[in-house]
């Protein structure tokens, strides 16, 4: 699995360089990772991907998906997933319900999305077997920094596969698979109380959250 991650990171770096002429305009890509699942449930904006209380800090993530021409994209799909606080994705953990901490969301007429999740947690990749031996030979630890996975797609645009990383995590500058890019490091902020200025969060006031993250996404138009 480590070899696959490292090769994926190399391919992602090459792709990033190919499209470097638009790098300042577009949201950066990152590796897919091995724990994506097809057919995550489609949920309404403002819904939660938390199907079971597994602890951790709750958060709301919201923003706008735009095209590289600056226009918001209606109907863009965001496929999101992350681990539980124990560092396990739901298909690794029999105590989590099916598709826990996973969901798909469609942007509204103004390109907006929002969902409730957990502030992510760092976790170790398997340290036994060939991958662990390779990491030990490299004098590397097995930890990945806290992150949320995203696949974002819309008609007429290149599909984006990426991860966003929590700046507070101690492994964000020392990722075991070297997947972190500076432009993908984000700051979760203490959740603001409703103050009448909530238009940017579609249906985002339905549930409480400890933290919030505003994160806009820009997709490259297809040729």
N, C-alpha and C. Protein backbone atom coordinates (compact mmCIF):
# COMPACT_ATOMS: atom_id res chain seq x y z
N UNK A 1 0.82 -1.20 0.00
CA UNK A 1 0.00 0.00 0.00
C UNK A 1 0.86 1.25 0.00
N UNK A 2 1.99 1.23 0.73
CA UNK A 2 2.86 2.40 0.74
C UNK A 2 3.40 2.69 -0.64
N UNK A 3 3.81 1.62 -1.36
CA UNK A 3 4.32 1.83 -2.72
C UNK A 3 3.25 2.50 -3.58
N UNK A 4 2.00 2.04 -3.44
CA UNK A 4 0.91 2.63 -4.22
C UNK A 4 0.74 4.10 -3.88
N UNK A 5 0.82 4.43 -2.59
CA UNK A 5 0.68 5.82 -2.18
C UNK A 5 1.81 6.68 -2.75
N UNK A 6 3.03 6.17 -2.69
CA UNK A 6 4.17 6.94 -3.18
C UNK A 6 4.09 7.13 -4.69
N UNK A 7 3.69 6.08 -5.42
CA UNK A 7 3.54 6.21 -6.86
C UNK A 7 2.42 7.18 -7.19
N UNK A 8 1.31 7.10 -6.43
CA UNK A 8 0.20 8.03 -6.64
C UNK A 8 0.66 9.46 -6.40
N UNK A 9 1.49 9.65 -5.38
CA UNK A 9 2.00 10.99 -5.09
C UNK A 9 2.86 11.50 -6.25
N UNK A 10 3.68 10.61 -6.83
CA UNK A 10 4.51 11.00 -7.97
C UNK A 10 3.64 11.40 -9.16
N UNK A 11 2.62 10.58 -9.46
CA UNK A 11 1.72 10.90 -10.57
C UNK A 11 1.01 12.22 -10.32
N UNK A 12 0.56 12.44 -9.09
CA UNK A 12 -0.11 13.69 -8.75
C UNK A 12 0.82 14.88 -8.95
N UNK A 13 2.08 14.74 -8.57
CA UNK A 13 3.05 15.82 -8.75
C UNK A 13 3.26 16.14 -10.22
N UNK A 14 3.32 15.10 -11.06
CA UNK A 14 3.48 15.32 -12.49
C UNK A 14 2.26 16.05 -13.06
N UNK A 15 1.07 15.60 -12.67
CA UNK A 15 -0.15 16.26 -13.12
C UNK A 15 -0.16 17.72 -12.68
N UNK A 16 0.27 17.97 -11.45
CA UNK A 16 0.29 19.33 -10.92
C UNK A 16 1.20 20.21 -11.76
N UNK A 17 2.34 19.68 -12.19
CA UNK A 17 3.27 20.45 -13.01
C UNK A 17 2.71 20.70 -14.41
N UNK A 18 2.01 19.70 -14.95
CA UNK A 18 1.43 19.85 -16.29
C UNK A 18 0.46 21.02 -16.33
N UNK A 19 -0.28 21.20 -15.23
CA UNK A 19 -1.29 22.26 -15.20
C UNK A 19 -0.82 23.45 -14.38
N UNK A 20 0.49 23.60 -14.27
CA UNK A 20 1.04 24.66 -13.41
C UNK A 20 0.70 26.05 -13.91
N UNK A 21 0.36 26.18 -15.20
CA UNK A 21 0.04 27.51 -15.71
C UNK A 21 -1.24 28.06 -15.09
N UNK A 22 -2.06 27.18 -14.53
CA UNK A 22 -3.30 27.61 -13.87
C UNK A 22 -3.25 27.35 -12.36
N UNK A 23 -2.08 27.05 -11.84
CA UNK A 23 -1.99 26.58 -10.45
C UNK A 23 -2.52 27.59 -9.45
N UNK A 24 -2.34 28.87 -9.72
CA UNK A 24 -2.81 29.88 -8.77
C UNK A 24 -4.32 30.03 -8.79
N UNK A 25 -4.97 29.56 -9.86
CA UNK A 25 -6.40 29.72 -10.00
C UNK A 25 -7.17 28.51 -9.49
N UNK A 26 -6.57 27.34 -9.55
CA UNK A 26 -7.29 26.10 -9.33
C UNK A 26 -7.00 25.52 -7.95
N UNK A 27 -7.96 24.76 -7.43
CA UNK A 27 -7.73 24.03 -6.19
C UNK A 27 -6.77 22.87 -6.49
N UNK A 28 -5.75 22.72 -5.66
CA UNK A 28 -4.73 21.71 -5.89
C UNK A 28 -5.28 20.30 -5.68
N UNK A 29 -4.70 19.36 -6.39
CA UNK A 29 -5.09 17.95 -6.26
C UNK A 29 -4.24 17.27 -5.19
N UNK A 30 -4.66 16.07 -4.82
CA UNK A 30 -3.90 15.21 -3.91
C UNK A 30 -4.29 13.77 -4.20
N UNK A 31 -3.57 12.83 -3.61
CA UNK A 31 -3.80 11.42 -3.90
C UNK A 31 -5.17 10.96 -3.41
N UNK A 32 -5.72 9.94 -4.09
CA UNK A 32 -7.02 9.40 -3.72
C UNK A 32 -6.98 8.64 -2.41
N UNK A 33 -5.97 7.84 -2.20
CA UNK A 33 -5.92 6.98 -1.02
C UNK A 33 -6.73 5.71 -1.25
N UNK A 34 -6.55 4.68 -0.42
CA UNK A 34 -7.16 3.38 -0.67
C UNK A 34 -8.55 3.18 -0.08
N UNK A 35 -9.11 4.17 0.60
CA UNK A 35 -10.34 3.92 1.35
C UNK A 35 -11.58 4.62 0.81
N UNK A 36 -11.51 5.13 -0.43
CA UNK A 36 -12.71 5.66 -1.07
C UNK A 36 -13.69 4.52 -1.33
N UNK A 37 -14.98 4.83 -1.21
CA UNK A 37 -16.03 3.87 -1.55
C UNK A 37 -17.01 4.49 -2.52
N UNK A 38 -17.41 3.73 -3.50
CA UNK A 38 -18.41 4.20 -4.45
C UNK A 38 -19.78 4.24 -3.77
N UNK A 39 -20.66 5.05 -4.34
CA UNK A 39 -22.08 5.08 -3.96
C UNK A 39 -22.33 5.55 -2.53
N UNK A 40 -21.51 6.49 -2.06
CA UNK A 40 -21.84 7.13 -0.78
C UNK A 40 -23.19 7.81 -0.91
N UNK A 41 -23.96 7.91 0.17
CA UNK A 41 -25.30 8.49 0.08
C UNK A 41 -25.27 9.95 -0.34
N UNK A 42 -26.22 10.33 -1.18
CA UNK A 42 -26.40 11.74 -1.55
C UNK A 42 -27.25 12.40 -0.47
N UNK A 43 -26.73 13.46 0.13
CA UNK A 43 -27.38 14.12 1.25
C UNK A 43 -27.67 15.57 0.91
N UNK A 44 -28.68 16.16 1.54
CA UNK A 44 -28.96 17.58 1.28
C UNK A 44 -27.92 18.47 1.93
N UNK A 45 -27.70 19.65 1.35
CA UNK A 45 -26.80 20.61 1.97
C UNK A 45 -27.20 20.86 3.41
N UNK A 46 -26.20 20.95 4.28
CA UNK A 46 -26.44 21.16 5.70
C UNK A 46 -26.59 19.88 6.50
N UNK A 47 -26.65 18.72 5.81
CA UNK A 47 -26.80 17.45 6.51
C UNK A 47 -25.47 17.02 7.12
N UNK A 48 -25.53 16.00 7.95
CA UNK A 48 -24.34 15.49 8.63
C UNK A 48 -23.93 14.15 8.05
N UNK A 49 -22.62 13.93 7.93
CA UNK A 49 -22.12 12.62 7.52
C UNK A 49 -21.84 11.73 8.73
N UNK A 50 -22.12 12.26 9.92
CA UNK A 50 -21.90 11.50 11.16
C UNK A 50 -23.13 10.65 11.44
N UNK A 51 -23.03 9.34 11.27
CA UNK A 51 -24.16 8.45 11.49
C UNK A 51 -24.19 7.86 12.89
N UNK A 52 -23.07 7.95 13.59
CA UNK A 52 -22.97 7.41 14.94
C UNK A 52 -22.02 8.29 15.72
N UNK A 53 -22.34 8.54 16.99
CA UNK A 53 -21.46 9.33 17.84
C UNK A 53 -20.20 8.52 18.13
N UNK A 54 -19.11 8.92 17.51
CA UNK A 54 -17.84 8.23 17.70
C UNK A 54 -16.85 9.13 18.41
N UNK A 55 -17.36 10.21 19.02
CA UNK A 55 -16.49 11.16 19.71
C UNK A 55 -15.92 12.16 18.73
N UNK A 56 -14.95 12.92 19.18
CA UNK A 56 -14.31 13.91 18.31
C UNK A 56 -15.00 15.25 18.33
N UNK A 57 -14.38 16.22 17.69
CA UNK A 57 -14.88 17.59 17.62
C UNK A 57 -15.73 17.76 16.36
N UNK A 58 -16.95 18.23 16.53
CA UNK A 58 -17.83 18.43 15.39
C UNK A 58 -17.45 19.70 14.63
N UNK A 59 -17.76 19.70 13.34
CA UNK A 59 -17.42 20.84 12.49
C UNK A 59 -18.45 20.98 11.37
N UNK A 60 -18.57 22.18 10.86
CA UNK A 60 -19.32 22.40 9.63
C UNK A 60 -18.35 22.93 8.59
N UNK A 61 -18.40 22.33 7.41
CA UNK A 61 -17.57 22.77 6.30
C UNK A 61 -18.49 23.31 5.22
N UNK A 62 -18.13 24.45 4.65
CA UNK A 62 -18.99 25.08 3.66
C UNK A 62 -18.15 25.93 2.72
N UNK A 63 -18.74 26.27 1.59
CA UNK A 63 -18.02 27.11 0.64
C UNK A 63 -18.74 27.15 -0.69
N UNK A 64 -18.03 27.59 -1.72
CA UNK A 64 -18.56 27.74 -3.06
C UNK A 64 -17.65 27.00 -4.04
N UNK A 65 -18.25 26.29 -4.96
CA UNK A 65 -17.51 25.66 -6.05
C UNK A 65 -17.63 26.55 -7.27
N UNK A 66 -16.49 26.95 -7.81
CA UNK A 66 -16.47 27.86 -8.97
C UNK A 66 -15.70 27.22 -10.13
N UNK A 67 -16.00 27.71 -11.31
CA UNK A 67 -15.24 27.36 -12.49
C UNK A 67 -14.01 28.24 -12.57
N UNK A 68 -13.05 27.86 -13.40
CA UNK A 68 -11.84 28.66 -13.55
C UNK A 68 -12.11 30.02 -14.17
N UNK A 69 -13.33 30.24 -14.70
CA UNK A 69 -13.70 31.57 -15.18
C UNK A 69 -14.32 32.43 -14.08
N UNK A 70 -14.38 31.89 -12.86
CA UNK A 70 -14.88 32.63 -11.71
C UNK A 70 -16.36 32.47 -11.44
N UNK A 71 -17.09 31.80 -12.32
CA UNK A 71 -18.53 31.66 -12.14
C UNK A 71 -18.85 30.48 -11.22
N UNK A 72 -19.84 30.63 -10.32
CA UNK A 72 -20.24 29.51 -9.47
C UNK A 72 -20.85 28.39 -10.31
N UNK A 73 -20.68 27.17 -9.87
CA UNK A 73 -21.17 26.00 -10.59
C UNK A 73 -22.35 25.39 -9.84
N UNK A 74 -23.50 25.38 -10.45
CA UNK A 74 -24.67 24.73 -9.87
C UNK A 74 -24.60 23.23 -10.17
N UNK A 75 -24.94 22.41 -9.18
CA UNK A 75 -25.00 20.97 -9.39
C UNK A 75 -23.67 20.26 -9.39
N UNK A 76 -22.60 20.91 -8.95
CA UNK A 76 -21.33 20.20 -8.77
C UNK A 76 -21.48 19.20 -7.64
N UNK A 77 -20.86 18.05 -7.79
CA UNK A 77 -20.95 17.00 -6.77
C UNK A 77 -19.67 16.93 -5.95
N UNK A 78 -19.82 16.96 -4.63
CA UNK A 78 -18.70 16.77 -3.71
C UNK A 78 -18.88 15.44 -3.01
N UNK A 79 -17.93 14.56 -3.19
CA UNK A 79 -17.88 13.26 -2.51
C UNK A 79 -16.85 13.41 -1.40
N UNK A 80 -17.27 13.27 -0.14
CA UNK A 80 -16.39 13.56 1.00
C UNK A 80 -16.31 12.35 1.93
N UNK A 81 -15.14 12.16 2.55
CA UNK A 81 -14.99 11.08 3.54
C UNK A 81 -13.77 11.36 4.40
N UNK A 82 -13.81 10.84 5.64
CA UNK A 82 -12.66 10.93 6.55
C UNK A 82 -12.77 9.86 7.61
N UNK A 83 -11.72 9.70 8.41
CA UNK A 83 -11.71 8.66 9.44
C UNK A 83 -12.49 9.10 10.68
N UNK A 84 -12.79 8.14 11.51
CA UNK A 84 -13.29 8.41 12.85
C UNK A 84 -12.10 8.82 13.74
N UNK A 85 -12.38 9.34 14.95
CA UNK A 85 -11.28 9.74 15.83
C UNK A 85 -10.33 8.60 16.22
N UNK A 86 -10.78 7.34 16.06
CA UNK A 86 -9.88 6.22 16.35
C UNK A 86 -8.92 5.94 15.20
N UNK A 87 -8.99 6.77 14.13
CA UNK A 87 -8.08 6.63 13.00
C UNK A 87 -8.51 5.61 11.98
N UNK A 88 -9.75 5.09 12.09
CA UNK A 88 -10.21 4.06 11.17
C UNK A 88 -11.32 4.59 10.26
N UNK A 89 -11.24 4.25 8.98
CA UNK A 89 -12.36 4.47 8.07
C UNK A 89 -13.43 3.42 8.35
N UNK A 90 -14.66 3.71 7.98
CA UNK A 90 -15.76 2.84 8.43
C UNK A 90 -15.63 1.41 7.94
N UNK A 91 -15.07 1.18 6.74
CA UNK A 91 -14.96 -0.20 6.29
C UNK A 91 -13.86 -0.97 7.00
N UNK A 92 -13.05 -0.27 7.81
CA UNK A 92 -12.03 -0.93 8.63
C UNK A 92 -12.54 -1.27 10.02
N UNK A 93 -13.71 -0.72 10.38
CA UNK A 93 -14.15 -0.71 11.77
C UNK A 93 -15.56 -1.30 11.89
N UNK A 94 -15.70 -2.50 12.45
CA UNK A 94 -17.03 -3.12 12.56
C UNK A 94 -17.98 -2.37 13.49
N UNK A 95 -17.45 -1.47 14.32
CA UNK A 95 -18.30 -0.72 15.24
C UNK A 95 -18.91 0.53 14.60
N UNK A 96 -18.50 0.85 13.37
CA UNK A 96 -19.09 1.99 12.68
C UNK A 96 -20.16 1.51 11.70
N UNK A 97 -21.26 2.26 11.58
CA UNK A 97 -22.29 1.88 10.61
C UNK A 97 -21.82 2.09 9.18
N UNK A 98 -22.52 1.45 8.27
CA UNK A 98 -22.21 1.54 6.84
C UNK A 98 -22.20 3.00 6.38
N UNK A 99 -21.17 3.37 5.66
CA UNK A 99 -21.00 4.72 5.10
C UNK A 99 -20.95 5.81 6.17
N UNK A 100 -20.53 5.46 7.37
CA UNK A 100 -20.32 6.50 8.38
C UNK A 100 -19.20 7.43 7.94
N UNK A 101 -19.39 8.72 8.16
CA UNK A 101 -18.40 9.75 7.82
C UNK A 101 -18.11 9.79 6.33
N UNK A 102 -19.15 9.57 5.54
CA UNK A 102 -19.09 9.65 4.08
C UNK A 102 -20.38 10.27 3.57
N UNK A 103 -20.29 10.98 2.48
CA UNK A 103 -21.50 11.52 1.87
C UNK A 103 -21.19 12.26 0.59
N UNK A 104 -22.23 12.47 -0.21
CA UNK A 104 -22.11 13.27 -1.43
C UNK A 104 -23.10 14.42 -1.36
N UNK A 105 -22.67 15.58 -1.85
CA UNK A 105 -23.47 16.80 -1.77
C UNK A 105 -23.45 17.51 -3.12
N UNK A 106 -24.57 18.14 -3.47
CA UNK A 106 -24.67 18.89 -4.71
C UNK A 106 -24.78 20.38 -4.40
N UNK A 107 -24.04 21.18 -5.15
CA UNK A 107 -24.08 22.62 -4.92
C UNK A 107 -25.41 23.20 -5.38
N UNK A 108 -25.82 24.30 -4.74
CA UNK A 108 -27.09 24.95 -5.08
C UNK A 108 -26.91 25.90 -6.26
N UNK A 109 -27.91 26.71 -6.53
CA UNK A 109 -27.89 27.58 -7.70
C UNK A 109 -26.79 28.63 -7.64
N UNK A 110 -26.24 28.87 -6.45
CA UNK A 110 -25.15 29.83 -6.29
C UNK A 110 -23.81 29.13 -6.09
N UNK A 111 -23.78 27.84 -6.35
CA UNK A 111 -22.54 27.09 -6.24
C UNK A 111 -22.16 26.72 -4.82
N UNK A 112 -23.07 26.88 -3.86
CA UNK A 112 -22.74 26.68 -2.45
C UNK A 112 -22.97 25.23 -2.01
N UNK A 113 -22.17 24.81 -1.05
CA UNK A 113 -22.34 23.51 -0.41
C UNK A 113 -22.13 23.68 1.08
N UNK A 114 -22.60 22.73 1.86
CA UNK A 114 -22.28 22.69 3.29
C UNK A 114 -22.59 21.30 3.83
N UNK A 115 -21.83 20.89 4.84
CA UNK A 115 -22.11 19.63 5.51
C UNK A 115 -21.46 19.63 6.88
N UNK A 116 -22.01 18.80 7.77
CA UNK A 116 -21.44 18.61 9.10
C UNK A 116 -20.57 17.36 9.10
N UNK A 117 -19.45 17.45 9.78
CA UNK A 117 -18.49 16.35 9.83
C UNK A 117 -17.76 16.42 11.17
N UNK A 118 -16.63 15.77 11.26
CA UNK A 118 -15.76 15.88 12.43
C UNK A 118 -14.46 16.58 12.01
N UNK A 119 -13.89 17.30 12.94
CA UNK A 119 -12.53 17.79 12.69
C UNK A 119 -11.64 16.55 12.59
N UNK A 120 -10.89 16.41 11.49
CA UNK A 120 -10.22 15.14 11.24
C UNK A 120 -9.09 14.83 12.21
N UNK A 121 -8.66 13.58 12.16
CA UNK A 121 -7.68 13.03 13.10
C UNK A 121 -6.52 12.40 12.33
N UNK A 122 -5.30 12.57 12.81
CA UNK A 122 -4.17 11.87 12.20
C UNK A 122 -4.24 10.38 12.56
N UNK A 123 -3.62 9.56 11.73
CA UNK A 123 -3.68 8.12 11.98
C UNK A 123 -2.48 7.44 11.32
N UNK A 124 -2.09 6.25 11.82
CA UNK A 124 -0.98 5.53 11.21
C UNK A 124 -1.45 4.63 10.07
N UNK A 125 -0.69 4.58 8.99
CA UNK A 125 -0.94 3.55 8.00
C UNK A 125 -0.34 2.25 8.53
N UNK A 126 -0.75 1.08 8.01
CA UNK A 126 -0.24 -0.19 8.55
C UNK A 126 1.29 -0.22 8.60
N UNK A 127 1.82 -0.60 9.74
CA UNK A 127 3.26 -0.55 9.98
C UNK A 127 3.90 -1.93 9.94
N UNK A 128 3.06 -2.95 9.71
CA UNK A 128 3.62 -4.29 9.60
C UNK A 128 3.78 -4.64 8.12
N UNK A 129 4.40 -5.72 7.84
CA UNK A 129 4.57 -6.15 6.47
C UNK A 129 5.57 -5.31 5.71
N UNK A 130 5.59 -5.42 4.37
CA UNK A 130 6.58 -4.71 3.54
C UNK A 130 6.53 -3.19 3.71
N UNK A 131 5.32 -2.63 3.82
CA UNK A 131 5.22 -1.18 3.96
C UNK A 131 5.91 -0.70 5.23
N UNK A 132 5.66 -1.40 6.33
CA UNK A 132 6.29 -1.01 7.59
C UNK A 132 7.80 -1.16 7.54
N UNK A 133 8.27 -2.23 6.91
CA UNK A 133 9.72 -2.44 6.80
C UNK A 133 10.36 -1.32 5.97
N UNK A 134 9.67 -0.92 4.90
CA UNK A 134 10.21 0.15 4.07
C UNK A 134 10.28 1.46 4.85
N UNK A 135 9.22 1.78 5.58
CA UNK A 135 9.22 2.99 6.38
C UNK A 135 10.35 2.96 7.42
N UNK A 136 10.55 1.81 8.04
CA UNK A 136 11.59 1.70 9.04
C UNK A 136 12.98 1.84 8.41
N UNK A 137 13.16 1.27 7.22
CA UNK A 137 14.43 1.43 6.53
C UNK A 137 14.71 2.89 6.19
N UNK A 138 13.63 3.62 5.92
CA UNK A 138 13.75 5.04 5.62
C UNK A 138 13.78 5.90 6.88
N UNK A 139 13.70 5.24 8.03
CA UNK A 139 13.62 5.94 9.31
C UNK A 139 12.43 6.89 9.33
N UNK A 140 11.30 6.39 8.82
CA UNK A 140 10.08 7.18 8.73
C UNK A 140 9.04 6.64 9.71
N UNK A 141 8.23 7.55 10.26
CA UNK A 141 7.08 7.16 11.07
C UNK A 141 5.92 6.79 10.14
N UNK A 142 4.86 6.15 10.64
CA UNK A 142 3.76 5.73 9.77
C UNK A 142 2.57 6.68 9.71
N UNK A 143 2.67 7.87 10.31
CA UNK A 143 1.47 8.70 10.49
C UNK A 143 1.16 9.61 9.30
N UNK A 144 -0.15 9.68 9.01
CA UNK A 144 -0.68 10.66 8.07
C UNK A 144 -1.32 11.78 8.87
N UNK A 145 -1.14 13.03 8.44
CA UNK A 145 -1.76 14.15 9.15
C UNK A 145 -3.28 14.14 8.98
N UNK A 146 -3.97 14.78 9.89
CA UNK A 146 -5.44 14.85 9.84
C UNK A 146 -5.89 15.47 8.52
N UNK A 147 -6.84 14.81 7.85
CA UNK A 147 -7.29 15.32 6.55
C UNK A 147 -8.70 14.86 6.23
N UNK A 148 -9.32 15.58 5.32
CA UNK A 148 -10.62 15.22 4.74
C UNK A 148 -10.41 15.01 3.24
N UNK A 149 -10.94 13.92 2.74
CA UNK A 149 -10.87 13.61 1.31
C UNK A 149 -12.03 14.26 0.57
N UNK A 150 -11.76 14.69 -0.66
CA UNK A 150 -12.78 15.27 -1.52
C UNK A 150 -12.58 14.80 -2.96
N UNK A 151 -13.67 14.41 -3.60
CA UNK A 151 -13.71 14.29 -5.06
C UNK A 151 -14.80 15.25 -5.52
N UNK A 152 -14.44 16.17 -6.39
CA UNK A 152 -15.38 17.19 -6.85
C UNK A 152 -15.48 17.11 -8.36
N UNK A 153 -16.70 17.02 -8.86
CA UNK A 153 -16.87 16.92 -10.31
C UNK A 153 -18.10 17.69 -10.74
N UNK A 154 -18.04 18.17 -11.98
CA UNK A 154 -19.13 18.93 -12.58
C UNK A 154 -19.02 18.81 -14.09
N UNK A 155 -20.13 18.78 -14.79
CA UNK A 155 -20.08 18.71 -16.26
C UNK A 155 -19.25 19.85 -16.83
N UNK A 156 -18.42 19.52 -17.83
CA UNK A 156 -17.62 20.54 -18.48
C UNK A 156 -16.36 20.93 -17.73
N UNK A 157 -16.02 20.15 -16.68
CA UNK A 157 -14.86 20.48 -15.86
C UNK A 157 -14.06 19.20 -15.56
N UNK A 158 -12.76 19.37 -15.33
CA UNK A 158 -11.91 18.26 -14.92
C UNK A 158 -12.28 17.84 -13.50
N UNK A 159 -12.38 16.55 -13.29
CA UNK A 159 -12.64 16.05 -11.94
C UNK A 159 -11.46 16.34 -11.04
N UNK A 160 -11.74 16.78 -9.83
CA UNK A 160 -10.70 17.07 -8.84
C UNK A 160 -10.73 16.03 -7.73
N UNK A 161 -9.60 15.41 -7.48
CA UNK A 161 -9.41 14.54 -6.32
C UNK A 161 -8.40 15.21 -5.42
N UNK A 162 -8.76 15.44 -4.16
CA UNK A 162 -7.86 16.17 -3.29
C UNK A 162 -8.06 15.79 -1.83
N UNK A 163 -7.23 16.34 -0.99
CA UNK A 163 -7.34 16.22 0.47
C UNK A 163 -7.06 17.60 1.05
N UNK A 164 -7.73 17.93 2.14
CA UNK A 164 -7.39 19.15 2.86
C UNK A 164 -6.90 18.76 4.25
N UNK A 165 -5.88 19.49 4.73
CA UNK A 165 -5.14 19.09 5.92
C UNK A 165 -5.28 20.14 7.02
N UNK A 166 -5.48 19.67 8.25
CA UNK A 166 -5.66 20.54 9.41
C UNK A 166 -4.29 21.07 9.86
N UNK A 167 -4.15 22.40 9.85
CA UNK A 167 -2.87 23.01 10.16
C UNK A 167 -2.37 22.67 11.57
N UNK A 168 -3.29 22.42 12.49
CA UNK A 168 -2.87 22.19 13.88
C UNK A 168 -2.18 20.84 14.07
N UNK A 169 -2.32 19.94 13.09
CA UNK A 169 -1.81 18.58 13.25
C UNK A 169 -0.28 18.57 13.18
N UNK A 170 0.35 17.87 14.10
CA UNK A 170 1.81 17.89 14.17
C UNK A 170 2.48 17.17 13.00
N UNK A 171 1.71 16.35 12.27
CA UNK A 171 2.30 15.63 11.14
C UNK A 171 2.10 16.36 9.81
N UNK A 172 1.52 17.55 9.84
CA UNK A 172 1.20 18.21 8.59
C UNK A 172 2.47 18.58 7.80
N UNK A 173 3.57 18.74 8.47
CA UNK A 173 4.85 19.01 7.79
C UNK A 173 5.73 17.77 7.71
N UNK A 174 5.17 16.62 8.04
CA UNK A 174 5.96 15.39 8.04
C UNK A 174 5.06 14.21 7.71
N UNK A 175 4.33 14.30 6.61
CA UNK A 175 3.40 13.26 6.18
C UNK A 175 4.18 12.01 5.75
N UNK A 176 3.74 10.86 6.22
CA UNK A 176 4.46 9.62 5.89
C UNK A 176 4.47 9.33 4.39
N UNK A 177 3.48 9.84 3.64
CA UNK A 177 3.43 9.57 2.20
C UNK A 177 3.67 10.83 1.37
N UNK A 178 4.11 11.91 2.02
CA UNK A 178 4.53 13.15 1.32
C UNK A 178 3.42 13.75 0.44
N UNK A 179 2.17 13.68 0.89
CA UNK A 179 1.05 14.13 0.05
C UNK A 179 0.60 15.56 0.34
N UNK A 180 1.13 16.20 1.37
CA UNK A 180 0.66 17.53 1.75
C UNK A 180 1.23 18.60 0.82
N UNK A 181 0.34 19.49 0.36
CA UNK A 181 0.75 20.69 -0.36
C UNK A 181 0.34 21.89 0.48
N UNK A 182 1.19 22.91 0.49
CA UNK A 182 0.92 24.07 1.34
C UNK A 182 -0.46 24.66 1.10
N UNK A 183 -0.88 24.69 -0.17
CA UNK A 183 -2.16 25.32 -0.50
C UNK A 183 -3.37 24.49 -0.05
N UNK A 184 -3.13 23.27 0.43
CA UNK A 184 -4.21 22.43 0.92
C UNK A 184 -4.28 22.39 2.45
N UNK A 185 -3.47 23.18 3.11
CA UNK A 185 -3.49 23.24 4.58
C UNK A 185 -4.49 24.31 5.00
N UNK A 186 -5.41 23.93 5.90
CA UNK A 186 -6.53 24.81 6.26
C UNK A 186 -6.59 25.02 7.77
N UNK A 187 -7.37 26.03 8.14
CA UNK A 187 -7.56 26.37 9.55
C UNK A 187 -9.02 26.20 9.94
N UNK A 188 -9.30 25.24 10.80
CA UNK A 188 -10.63 25.12 11.40
C UNK A 188 -10.74 26.19 12.48
N UNK A 189 -11.81 26.96 12.44
CA UNK A 189 -12.01 28.06 13.38
C UNK A 189 -13.14 27.73 14.34
N UNK A 190 -13.08 28.25 15.58
CA UNK A 190 -14.22 28.06 16.48
C UNK A 190 -15.50 28.54 15.81
N UNK A 191 -16.57 27.77 15.97
CA UNK A 191 -17.83 28.06 15.28
C UNK A 191 -18.41 29.38 15.73
N UNK A 192 -18.75 30.22 14.76
CA UNK A 192 -19.40 31.50 15.07
C UNK A 192 -20.86 31.26 15.38
N UNK A 193 -21.39 32.01 16.32
CA UNK A 193 -22.81 31.96 16.60
C UNK A 193 -23.56 32.66 15.48
N UNK A 194 -24.79 32.23 15.27
CA UNK A 194 -25.59 32.86 14.22
C UNK A 194 -25.70 34.35 14.49
N UNK A 195 -25.37 35.15 13.48
CA UNK A 195 -25.41 36.60 13.65
C UNK A 195 -26.18 37.28 12.53
N UNK A 196 -27.00 36.49 11.85
CA UNK A 196 -27.79 37.05 10.76
C UNK A 196 -27.06 37.04 9.43
N UNK A 197 -25.77 36.72 9.43
CA UNK A 197 -24.99 36.70 8.19
C UNK A 197 -24.65 35.27 7.84
N UNK A 198 -25.67 34.49 7.48
CA UNK A 198 -25.48 33.06 7.24
C UNK A 198 -25.83 32.66 5.81
N UNK A 199 -25.92 33.63 4.91
CA UNK A 199 -26.31 33.31 3.54
C UNK A 199 -25.31 32.40 2.85
N UNK A 200 -24.05 32.44 3.29
CA UNK A 200 -23.04 31.63 2.62
C UNK A 200 -23.13 30.17 3.02
N UNK A 201 -23.96 29.83 3.99
CA UNK A 201 -24.05 28.46 4.49
C UNK A 201 -25.46 27.94 4.21
N UNK A 202 -25.71 27.28 3.08
CA UNK A 202 -27.05 26.78 2.82
C UNK A 202 -27.46 25.73 3.84
N UNK A 203 -28.54 26.00 4.55
CA UNK A 203 -29.07 25.08 5.57
C UNK A 203 -28.05 24.78 6.66
N UNK A 204 -27.10 25.66 6.84
CA UNK A 204 -25.99 25.36 7.75
C UNK A 204 -26.27 25.61 9.21
N UNK A 205 -27.45 26.15 9.54
CA UNK A 205 -27.74 26.44 10.93
C UNK A 205 -28.61 25.36 11.59
N UNK A 206 -28.78 24.22 10.92
CA UNK A 206 -29.67 23.21 11.44
C UNK A 206 -29.07 22.45 12.63
N UNK A 207 -27.75 22.42 12.73
CA UNK A 207 -27.09 21.66 13.77
C UNK A 207 -25.96 22.49 14.37
N UNK A 208 -25.66 22.20 15.61
CA UNK A 208 -24.54 22.88 16.26
C UNK A 208 -23.23 22.23 15.81
N UNK A 209 -22.16 22.99 15.92
CA UNK A 209 -20.83 22.47 15.62
C UNK A 209 -19.82 23.25 16.44
N UNK A 210 -18.72 22.60 16.81
CA UNK A 210 -17.67 23.24 17.59
C UNK A 210 -16.76 24.10 16.73
N UNK A 211 -16.57 23.66 15.47
CA UNK A 211 -15.65 24.35 14.56
C UNK A 211 -16.32 24.57 13.21
N UNK A 212 -15.75 25.47 12.43
CA UNK A 212 -16.21 25.67 11.07
C UNK A 212 -15.02 25.87 10.15
N UNK A 213 -15.24 25.50 8.90
CA UNK A 213 -14.22 25.68 7.88
C UNK A 213 -14.90 26.18 6.62
N UNK A 214 -14.54 27.37 6.18
CA UNK A 214 -15.00 27.88 4.90
C UNK A 214 -13.94 27.54 3.86
N UNK A 215 -14.34 26.80 2.83
CA UNK A 215 -13.36 26.33 1.85
C UNK A 215 -13.98 26.38 0.45
N UNK A 216 -13.52 27.31 -0.35
CA UNK A 216 -13.97 27.44 -1.73
C UNK A 216 -13.11 26.57 -2.64
N UNK A 217 -13.72 26.08 -3.70
CA UNK A 217 -13.08 25.14 -4.62
C UNK A 217 -13.19 25.68 -6.04
N UNK A 218 -12.11 25.62 -6.79
CA UNK A 218 -12.12 26.06 -8.19
C UNK A 218 -11.72 24.90 -9.09
N UNK A 219 -12.56 24.60 -10.06
CA UNK A 219 -12.34 23.49 -10.99
C UNK A 219 -11.88 24.02 -12.35
N UNK A 220 -11.04 23.25 -12.99
CA UNK A 220 -10.56 23.60 -14.33
C UNK A 220 -11.60 23.21 -15.37
N UNK A 221 -11.89 24.11 -16.28
CA UNK A 221 -12.81 23.81 -17.38
C UNK A 221 -12.17 22.81 -18.33
N UNK A 222 -12.98 21.89 -18.82
CA UNK A 222 -12.49 20.92 -19.81
C UNK A 222 -12.32 21.61 -21.15
N UNK A 223 -11.39 21.11 -21.92
CA UNK A 223 -11.18 21.67 -23.27
C UNK A 223 -12.20 21.08 -24.24
